[in-house]
Amino acid sequence: MTAVAHTQLDALQGALGQLRSGALTPHALSDLSRAQTILLDTLPPRYGEVLLGLMDRLESSALFSEESCSFSQQGLLDNLQVWVDKARGELQTSTPG
């Protein structure tokens, strides 16, 4: 199950890169993130709560221009990268051996 969680995390990392390059929409990243159920079930519950909160804000920010939004989409993407990095660390510490 941990191998699948790593694969799902890698997919999320790739999708984040695609969003940064403009090849993916915020809504598509959100949909993909929410579909990573094995990853979210493997991580402690707080990771799911934080990720879903970030996805909600990212989807909301996509509805507005950068100037009219109360939070920066770039800041959200940076926070998502921090989440991915921390999740990767959590998976590595929970992997035996």
Protein backbone atom coordinates (compact mmCIF):
# COMPACT_ATOMS: atom_id res chain seq x y z
CA MET A 1 0.00 0.00 0.00
CA THR A 2 2.89 2.36 0.70
CA ALA A 3 4.19 1.87 -2.87
CA VAL A 4 0.83 3.03 -4.20
CA ALA A 5 0.92 6.02 -1.84
CA HIS A 6 4.36 6.95 -3.22
CA THR A 7 3.05 6.61 -6.77
CA GLN A 8 0.07 8.83 -5.97
CA LEU A 9 2.35 11.41 -4.36
CA ASP A 10 4.58 11.38 -7.45
CA ALA A 11 1.47 11.94 -9.60
CA LEU A 12 0.48 14.87 -7.41
CA GLN A 13 4.00 16.33 -7.69
CA GLY A 14 3.87 15.99 -11.47
CA ALA A 15 0.46 17.62 -11.65
CA LEU A 16 1.68 20.52 -9.53
CA GLY A 17 4.50 21.04 -12.02
CA GLN A 18 2.00 20.92 -14.88
CA LEU A 19 -0.15 23.55 -13.16
CA ARG A 20 2.88 25.81 -12.70
CA SER A 21 3.67 25.49 -16.43
CA GLY A 22 0.07 26.17 -17.44
CA ALA A 23 -0.52 22.67 -18.80
CA LEU A 24 -3.11 21.87 -16.11
CA THR A 25 -5.95 23.85 -14.55
CA PRO A 26 -6.39 24.38 -10.81
CA HIS A 27 -9.63 22.40 -10.95
CA ALA A 28 -7.89 19.45 -12.62
CA LEU A 29 -5.19 19.48 -9.92
CA SER A 30 -7.88 19.61 -7.27
CA ASP A 31 -9.73 16.67 -8.81
CA LEU A 32 -6.52 14.66 -9.03
CA SER A 33 -5.59 15.53 -5.43
CA ARG A 34 -8.95 14.44 -4.08
CA ALA A 35 -8.68 11.14 -5.98
CA GLN A 36 -5.42 10.15 -4.24
CA THR A 37 -7.32 8.21 -1.58
CA ILE A 38 -4.62 5.67 -0.77
CA LEU A 39 -2.10 8.46 -0.24
CA LEU A 40 -4.52 10.35 1.99
CA ASP A 41 -5.42 7.19 3.92
CA THR A 42 -1.73 6.36 4.45
CA LEU A 43 -0.82 9.79 5.81
CA PRO A 44 -1.96 11.09 9.22
CA PRO A 45 -5.43 12.70 9.02
CA ARG A 46 -4.10 16.26 9.33
CA TYR A 47 -2.44 15.91 5.92
CA GLY A 48 -5.80 15.33 4.26
CA GLU A 49 -7.33 18.27 6.08
CA VAL A 50 -4.53 20.60 4.99
CA LEU A 51 -4.51 19.36 1.39
CA LEU A 52 -8.27 19.74 1.01
CA GLY A 53 -8.09 23.24 2.48
CA LEU A 54 -5.37 24.18 0.02
CA MET A 55 -7.39 22.73 -2.85
CA ASP A 56 -10.48 24.71 -1.82
CA ARG A 57 -8.45 27.94 -1.77
CA LEU A 58 -6.77 27.10 -5.07
CA GLU A 59 -10.12 26.50 -6.75
CA SER A 60 -11.44 29.77 -5.31
CA SER A 61 -8.38 31.69 -6.47
CA ALA A 62 -8.92 30.41 -10.02
CA LEU A 63 -12.23 32.26 -10.12
CA PHE A 64 -10.58 35.65 -9.64
CA SER A 65 -7.71 37.58 -11.10
CA GLU A 66 -4.53 37.69 -9.01
CA GLU A 67 -5.21 41.32 -8.05
CA SER A 68 -8.73 40.75 -6.74
CA CYS A 69 -7.95 37.59 -4.84
CA SER A 70 -7.27 37.80 -1.11
CA PHE A 71 -4.48 35.22 -1.39
CA SER A 72 -1.81 34.64 -3.98
CA GLN A 73 -2.12 31.64 -6.28
CA GLN A 74 1.69 31.50 -6.34
CA GLY A 75 1.69 31.36 -2.54
CA LEU A 76 -0.80 28.51 -2.66
CA LEU A 77 1.36 26.61 -5.13
CA ASP A 78 4.36 27.14 -2.86
CA ASN A 79 2.33 25.81 0.08
CA LEU A 80 1.29 22.79 -1.98
CA GLN A 81 4.96 22.08 -2.69
CA VAL A 82 5.68 22.26 1.04
CA TRP A 83 2.80 19.83 1.61
CA VAL A 84 4.22 17.42 -0.99
CA ASP A 85 7.68 17.63 0.57
CA LYS A 86 6.34 17.00 4.08
CA ALA A 87 4.13 14.16 2.87
CA ARG A 88 7.13 12.56 1.16
CA GLY A 89 9.08 12.80 4.41
CA GLU A 90 6.18 11.30 6.34
CA LEU A 91 5.93 8.39 3.90
CA GLN A 92 9.67 7.77 4.13
CA THR A 93 9.61 7.67 7.92
CA SER A 94 6.61 5.36 7.94
CA THR A 95 8.25 2.93 5.51
CA PRO A 96 9.99 0.11 7.38
CA GLY A 97 13.56 -0.73 6.68
